[in-house]
Amino acid sequence: MPRRLTPSAWTRPQVYLLNRSIICAVVLASIGTLFRRPDNLPEYILDTLLRTYLMFLGTVMAHEGVHSHLGHTRAANFRWGRLALLPSMVPFTNFRKTHHLHHAYTNIPGKDPDHFMKSRNLPELVLRALAMPHQWFFWLWKRRRIRKADLIELALNYFVIFAVYGVILASVGASRLFWGMTPALILVSVLLWYPFAVQTHEGFSTEAAELRSHNYYGRFMFWFSMGLAMHREHHLQPKLSWIELKAYVEDAPIVAGKLRFLPRRDIRLESPSP
């Protein structure tokens, strides 16, 4: 059965300060490193991997904003959520609207926007991961969930994104901006949506809430993903911030033939596969 919300040693102001500090560091590092041009291939690879991970952390923090873990007010969560997604060039509007539907209708075709990620093969999965942030708008539009206020918010959000990257383009040149952003945007799409959406909902069960998603074992996956690894627990207790989910991390059980250092999930065997 789902566990009840547990007392936390973290106060709301402490959670807000932690998450906002992470957002500031992520945005400054992700955008700031674009102004340094790598000198050789190893540096380009390192630059791409670093920016990929920084973009990933930005999406995690935007997710915190959807659940009101970035500030006391709705406006504060929206403001910090938009900033967190600036490195990945994704508008916050579509994400916040679809993510609440994902929680309400987890794994239900036609009602869960993230069910879009259910794929038949790897190439299709990669293409869907790349399209995911942008298909949300069309998913919402088709279901008449986009209002005039949302369109205005989207236009302003895109204006800020293009303005920021327009300044960067003028400063560093088209080649640096393209090679600094494009590979990282592709990689972060796969990093976010495969391990922490497809794998954490494998089976796409529509049974009881505790069967619809899965956690990863171990502290490494928890810290690497800043809590996204605790996917089931997040669905059961969305009022907990990522740092508060640490109390639920479990070590992987020892299983013959399984390497302990590889990421493993606590998939419930009774979960059906429709």
Protein backbone atom coordinates (compact mmCIF):
# COMPACT_ATOMS: atom_id res chain seq x y z
CA MET A 1 0.00 0.00 0.00
CA PRO A 2 1.16 3.59 -0.55
CA ARG A 3 3.08 5.00 2.38
CA ARG A 4 1.88 8.10 4.16
CA LEU A 5 3.70 11.39 3.98
CA THR A 6 6.49 11.20 6.51
CA PRO A 7 7.94 14.01 8.65
CA SER A 8 11.04 15.59 7.12
CA ALA A 9 14.10 17.24 8.63
CA TRP A 10 13.98 19.70 5.73
CA THR A 11 11.93 22.86 6.11
CA ARG A 12 10.25 24.45 3.08
CA PRO A 13 12.63 27.45 3.05
CA GLN A 14 15.61 25.07 3.12
CA VAL A 15 14.20 23.07 0.20
CA TYR A 16 13.57 26.26 -1.79
CA LEU A 17 17.09 27.54 -1.12
CA LEU A 18 18.68 24.22 -2.10
CA ASN A 19 16.73 23.92 -5.34
CA ARG A 20 17.19 27.56 -6.33
CA SER A 21 20.93 27.32 -5.67
CA ILE A 22 21.12 24.27 -7.94
CA ILE A 23 19.20 26.11 -10.67
CA CYS A 24 21.53 29.11 -10.51
CA ALA A 25 24.61 26.89 -10.69
CA VAL A 26 23.17 24.83 -13.56
CA VAL A 27 22.16 27.84 -15.67
CA LEU A 28 25.42 29.71 -15.12
CA ALA A 29 27.58 26.66 -15.86
CA SER A 30 25.56 25.45 -18.85
CA ILE A 31 25.42 28.82 -20.58
CA GLY A 32 28.76 30.10 -19.32
CA THR A 33 30.73 27.19 -20.76
CA LEU A 34 29.40 28.03 -24.23
CA PHE A 35 31.72 31.03 -24.18
CA ARG A 36 34.74 28.74 -23.96
CA ARG A 37 35.60 26.95 -27.19
CA PRO A 38 37.12 23.47 -26.71
CA ASP A 39 40.55 23.03 -28.30
CA ASN A 40 40.36 19.36 -29.28
CA LEU A 41 38.06 16.33 -29.57
CA PRO A 42 38.41 15.11 -25.95
CA GLU A 43 37.52 18.61 -24.74
CA TYR A 44 34.50 18.70 -27.07
CA ILE A 45 33.33 15.36 -25.71
CA LEU A 46 33.78 16.53 -22.12
CA ASP A 47 32.02 19.81 -22.93
CA THR A 48 29.06 17.95 -24.45
CA LEU A 49 28.74 15.46 -21.59
CA LEU A 50 28.93 18.21 -18.99
CA ARG A 51 26.27 20.32 -20.70
CA THR A 52 24.08 17.25 -21.17
CA TYR A 53 24.14 16.56 -17.45
CA LEU A 54 23.58 20.21 -16.57
CA MET A 55 20.54 20.29 -18.87
CA PHE A 56 19.31 17.11 -17.19
CA LEU A 57 19.61 18.67 -13.73
CA GLY A 58 17.71 21.68 -15.02
CA THR A 59 14.80 19.47 -16.05
CA VAL A 60 14.85 17.81 -12.63
CA MET A 61 14.59 21.21 -10.96
CA ALA A 62 11.77 22.25 -13.31
CA HIS A 63 10.01 19.08 -12.19
CA GLU A 64 10.42 20.29 -8.61
CA GLY A 65 8.71 23.51 -9.66
CA VAL A 66 5.68 21.65 -11.01
CA HIS A 67 5.25 20.19 -7.53
CA SER A 68 5.73 23.57 -5.78
CA HIS A 69 9.19 22.85 -4.38
CA LEU A 70 10.79 26.05 -5.71
CA GLY A 71 8.85 28.66 -3.76
CA HIS A 72 5.87 29.55 -1.59
CA THR A 73 3.81 30.94 -4.44
CA ARG A 74 2.67 29.76 -7.83
CA ALA A 75 4.43 32.70 -9.46
CA ALA A 76 7.74 31.80 -7.79
CA ASN A 77 7.52 28.20 -8.95
CA PHE A 78 6.71 29.29 -12.51
CA ARG A 79 9.55 31.82 -12.56
CA TRP A 80 12.18 29.40 -11.27
CA GLY A 81 10.80 26.58 -13.40
CA ARG A 82 11.25 28.64 -16.56
CA LEU A 83 14.79 29.51 -15.55
CA ALA A 84 15.62 25.85 -14.87
CA LEU A 85 14.58 24.88 -18.41
CA LEU A 86 16.53 27.68 -20.09
CA PRO A 87 19.61 25.44 -20.72
CA SER A 88 17.43 22.88 -22.56
CA MET A 89 15.44 25.53 -24.49
CA VAL A 90 12.11 24.03 -23.41
CA PRO A 91 9.13 26.19 -22.34
CA PHE A 92 7.86 25.50 -18.84
CA THR A 93 4.19 26.00 -19.78
CA ASN A 94 3.69 22.73 -21.63
CA PHE A 95 5.60 20.70 -19.05
CA ARG A 96 3.69 21.92 -16.00
CA LYS A 97 0.32 21.32 -17.67
CA THR A 98 1.08 17.82 -18.93
CA HIS A 99 2.92 16.62 -15.83
CA HIS A 100 -0.10 17.00 -13.57
CA LEU A 101 -2.07 14.94 -16.09
CA HIS A 102 0.69 12.31 -16.02
CA HIS A 103 0.19 11.96 -12.27
CA ALA A 104 -3.59 11.87 -12.53
CA TYR A 105 -3.75 9.33 -15.38
CA THR A 106 -0.44 7.44 -15.14
CA ASN A 107 0.03 4.98 -18.04
CA ILE A 108 -3.54 5.36 -19.35
CA PRO A 109 -3.43 5.70 -23.17
CA GLY A 110 -5.02 8.89 -24.43
CA LYS A 111 -5.08 10.47 -20.97
CA ASP A 112 -1.43 10.30 -19.86
CA PRO A 113 0.64 12.63 -22.10
CA ASP A 114 3.82 10.69 -21.24
CA HIS A 115 2.35 7.47 -22.65
CA PHE A 116 3.72 8.87 -25.92
CA MET A 117 7.08 7.35 -24.88
CA LYS A 118 5.82 3.76 -25.17
CA SER A 119 7.83 2.56 -28.19
CA ARG A 120 8.17 -0.60 -30.26
CA ASN A 121 11.92 -0.41 -30.85
CA LEU A 122 15.02 1.60 -29.97
CA PRO A 123 15.08 3.95 -33.01
CA GLU A 124 11.44 4.84 -32.40
CA LEU A 125 12.18 5.44 -28.72
CA VAL A 126 15.00 7.87 -29.57
CA LEU A 127 12.80 9.78 -32.02
CA ARG A 128 9.99 9.98 -29.49
CA ALA A 129 12.41 11.21 -26.81
CA LEU A 130 13.55 14.01 -29.13
CA ALA A 131 9.97 14.96 -29.98
CA MET A 132 8.60 14.66 -26.45
CA PRO A 133 8.90 18.26 -25.17
CA HIS A 134 7.33 19.60 -28.37
CA GLN A 135 4.54 17.05 -28.82
CA TRP A 136 3.09 18.17 -25.48
CA PHE A 137 1.74 21.34 -27.11
CA PHE A 138 -0.05 19.41 -29.86
CA TRP A 139 -1.33 16.85 -27.32
CA LEU A 140 -2.81 19.65 -25.23
CA TRP A 141 -4.12 21.56 -28.27
CA LYS A 142 -5.90 18.48 -29.63
CA ARG A 143 -7.68 18.08 -26.29
CA ARG A 144 -8.53 21.80 -26.05
CA ARG A 145 -6.43 22.29 -22.93
CA ILE A 146 -4.53 25.30 -24.30
CA ARG A 147 -6.04 28.63 -23.28
CA LYS A 148 -5.32 32.13 -24.56
CA ALA A 149 -3.30 32.85 -21.40
CA ASP A 150 -1.17 29.76 -22.12
CA LEU A 151 -0.43 30.99 -25.65
CA ILE A 152 0.68 34.36 -24.30
CA GLU A 153 2.85 32.68 -21.68
CA LEU A 154 4.37 30.40 -24.33
CA ALA A 155 5.11 33.33 -26.63
CA LEU A 156 6.85 35.24 -23.84
CA ASN A 157 8.75 32.11 -22.75
CA TYR A 158 10.00 31.49 -26.30
CA PHE A 159 10.86 35.18 -26.69
CA VAL A 160 13.15 35.00 -23.64
CA ILE A 161 14.72 31.74 -24.86
CA PHE A 162 15.44 33.16 -28.32
CA ALA A 163 16.66 36.45 -26.87
CA VAL A 164 19.15 34.73 -24.55
CA TYR A 165 20.47 32.39 -27.22
CA GLY A 166 20.48 35.20 -29.76
CA VAL A 167 22.93 37.09 -27.57
CA ILE A 168 25.02 33.93 -27.20
CA LEU A 169 24.93 33.41 -30.99
CA ALA A 170 26.17 36.94 -31.58
CA SER A 171 28.96 36.42 -29.04
CA VAL A 172 30.28 32.93 -29.82
CA GLY A 173 29.22 32.35 -33.44
CA ALA A 174 26.90 29.85 -35.12
CA SER A 175 29.37 26.95 -35.15
CA ARG A 176 30.08 27.07 -31.42
CA LEU A 177 26.40 27.43 -30.54
CA PHE A 178 25.36 24.58 -32.85
CA TRP A 179 28.02 22.10 -31.70
CA GLY A 180 27.71 23.24 -28.12
CA MET A 181 23.94 22.70 -27.98
CA THR A 182 22.75 20.17 -30.57
CA PRO A 183 24.60 17.01 -29.38
CA ALA A 184 23.74 17.83 -25.76
CA LEU A 185 20.06 18.37 -26.58
CA ILE A 186 19.92 14.97 -28.28
CA LEU A 187 21.72 13.20 -25.44
CA VAL A 188 19.69 14.82 -22.68
CA SER A 189 16.45 13.76 -24.38
CA VAL A 190 17.54 10.12 -24.26
CA LEU A 191 19.04 10.42 -20.76
CA LEU A 192 15.85 11.88 -19.35
CA TRP A 193 13.16 9.90 -21.12
CA TYR A 194 14.64 6.42 -21.37
CA PRO A 195 16.02 5.65 -17.88
CA PHE A 196 13.65 7.94 -15.97
CA ALA A 197 10.37 7.65 -17.87
CA VAL A 198 10.27 4.50 -20.00
CA GLN A 199 12.25 2.31 -17.61
CA THR A 200 10.52 3.65 -14.51
CA HIS A 201 7.14 2.82 -16.05
CA GLU A 202 8.12 -0.43 -17.77
CA GLY A 203 5.05 -2.58 -18.30
CA PHE A 204 2.85 0.54 -18.34
CA SER A 205 0.55 -1.02 -15.78
CA THR A 206 -2.80 0.65 -15.11
CA GLU A 207 -3.42 -1.29 -11.90
CA ALA A 208 -2.84 0.02 -8.36
CA ALA A 209 -0.67 3.13 -8.00
CA GLU A 210 2.26 1.23 -6.48
CA LEU A 211 2.38 -1.00 -9.59
CA ARG A 212 2.42 1.77 -12.20
CA SER A 213 6.01 2.91 -11.68
CA HIS A 214 9.33 1.68 -10.29
CA ASN A 215 12.25 2.89 -8.20
CA TYR A 216 15.93 2.37 -8.88
CA TYR A 217 17.95 0.80 -6.11
CA GLY A 218 20.94 2.47 -4.52
CA ARG A 219 22.31 5.84 -3.52
CA PHE A 220 24.27 6.39 -6.73
CA MET A 221 21.16 6.50 -8.90
CA PHE A 222 19.43 8.70 -6.35
CA TRP A 223 22.20 11.31 -6.28
CA PHE A 224 22.90 11.07 -10.02
CA SER A 225 19.26 11.80 -10.86
CA MET A 226 18.56 14.04 -7.85
CA GLY A 227 15.60 11.93 -6.85
CA LEU A 228 14.12 10.93 -10.24
CA ALA A 229 15.31 7.40 -9.53
CA MET A 230 12.70 7.19 -6.75
CA HIS A 231 9.89 7.27 -9.28
CA ARG A 232 7.32 5.11 -7.54
CA GLU A 233 7.80 6.89 -4.24
CA HIS A 234 7.45 10.23 -6.01
CA HIS A 235 4.13 9.15 -7.52
CA LEU A 236 2.92 7.98 -4.13
CA GLN A 237 4.17 11.06 -2.27
CA PRO A 238 4.46 13.98 -4.72
CA LYS A 239 4.50 16.47 -1.83
CA LEU A 240 8.02 15.33 -0.96
CA SER A 241 10.88 17.19 -2.63
CA TRP A 242 13.70 15.22 -4.24
CA ILE A 243 15.98 15.53 -1.21
CA GLU A 244 13.25 14.21 1.09
CA LEU A 245 12.95 11.05 -1.02
CA LYS A 246 16.42 10.01 0.12
CA ALA A 247 14.86 8.36 3.18
CA TYR A 248 13.26 5.77 0.88
CA VAL A 249 16.38 4.69 -1.01
CA GLU A 250 16.97 0.94 -0.75
CA ASP A 251 20.12 -1.04 -1.46
CA ALA A 252 19.88 -3.54 -4.30
CA PRO A 253 19.38 -7.11 -3.06
CA ILE A 254 22.17 -9.53 -3.84
CA VAL A 255 21.11 -11.71 -6.76
CA ALA A 256 23.27 -14.40 -8.34
CA GLY A 257 24.44 -13.38 -11.81
CA LYS A 258 23.63 -9.69 -11.29
CA LEU A 259 26.42 -7.12 -11.10
CA ARG A 260 25.82 -4.93 -8.05
CA PHE A 261 27.15 -1.71 -9.62
CA LEU A 262 24.72 -1.76 -12.58
CA PRO A 263 21.47 0.24 -12.17
CA ARG A 264 18.57 -1.99 -11.18
CA ARG A 265 14.90 -1.32 -10.60
CA ASP A 266 12.51 -2.79 -8.04
CA ILE A 267 9.97 -3.90 -10.62
CA ARG A 268 7.00 -5.62 -9.02
CA LEU A 269 6.56 -8.96 -10.76
CA GLU A 270 2.82 -8.87 -10.31
CA SER A 271 2.62 -5.74 -12.47
CA PRO A 272 0.76 -6.69 -15.68
CA SER A 273 1.83 -5.69 -19.16
CA PRO A 274 -1.24 -4.65 -21.15
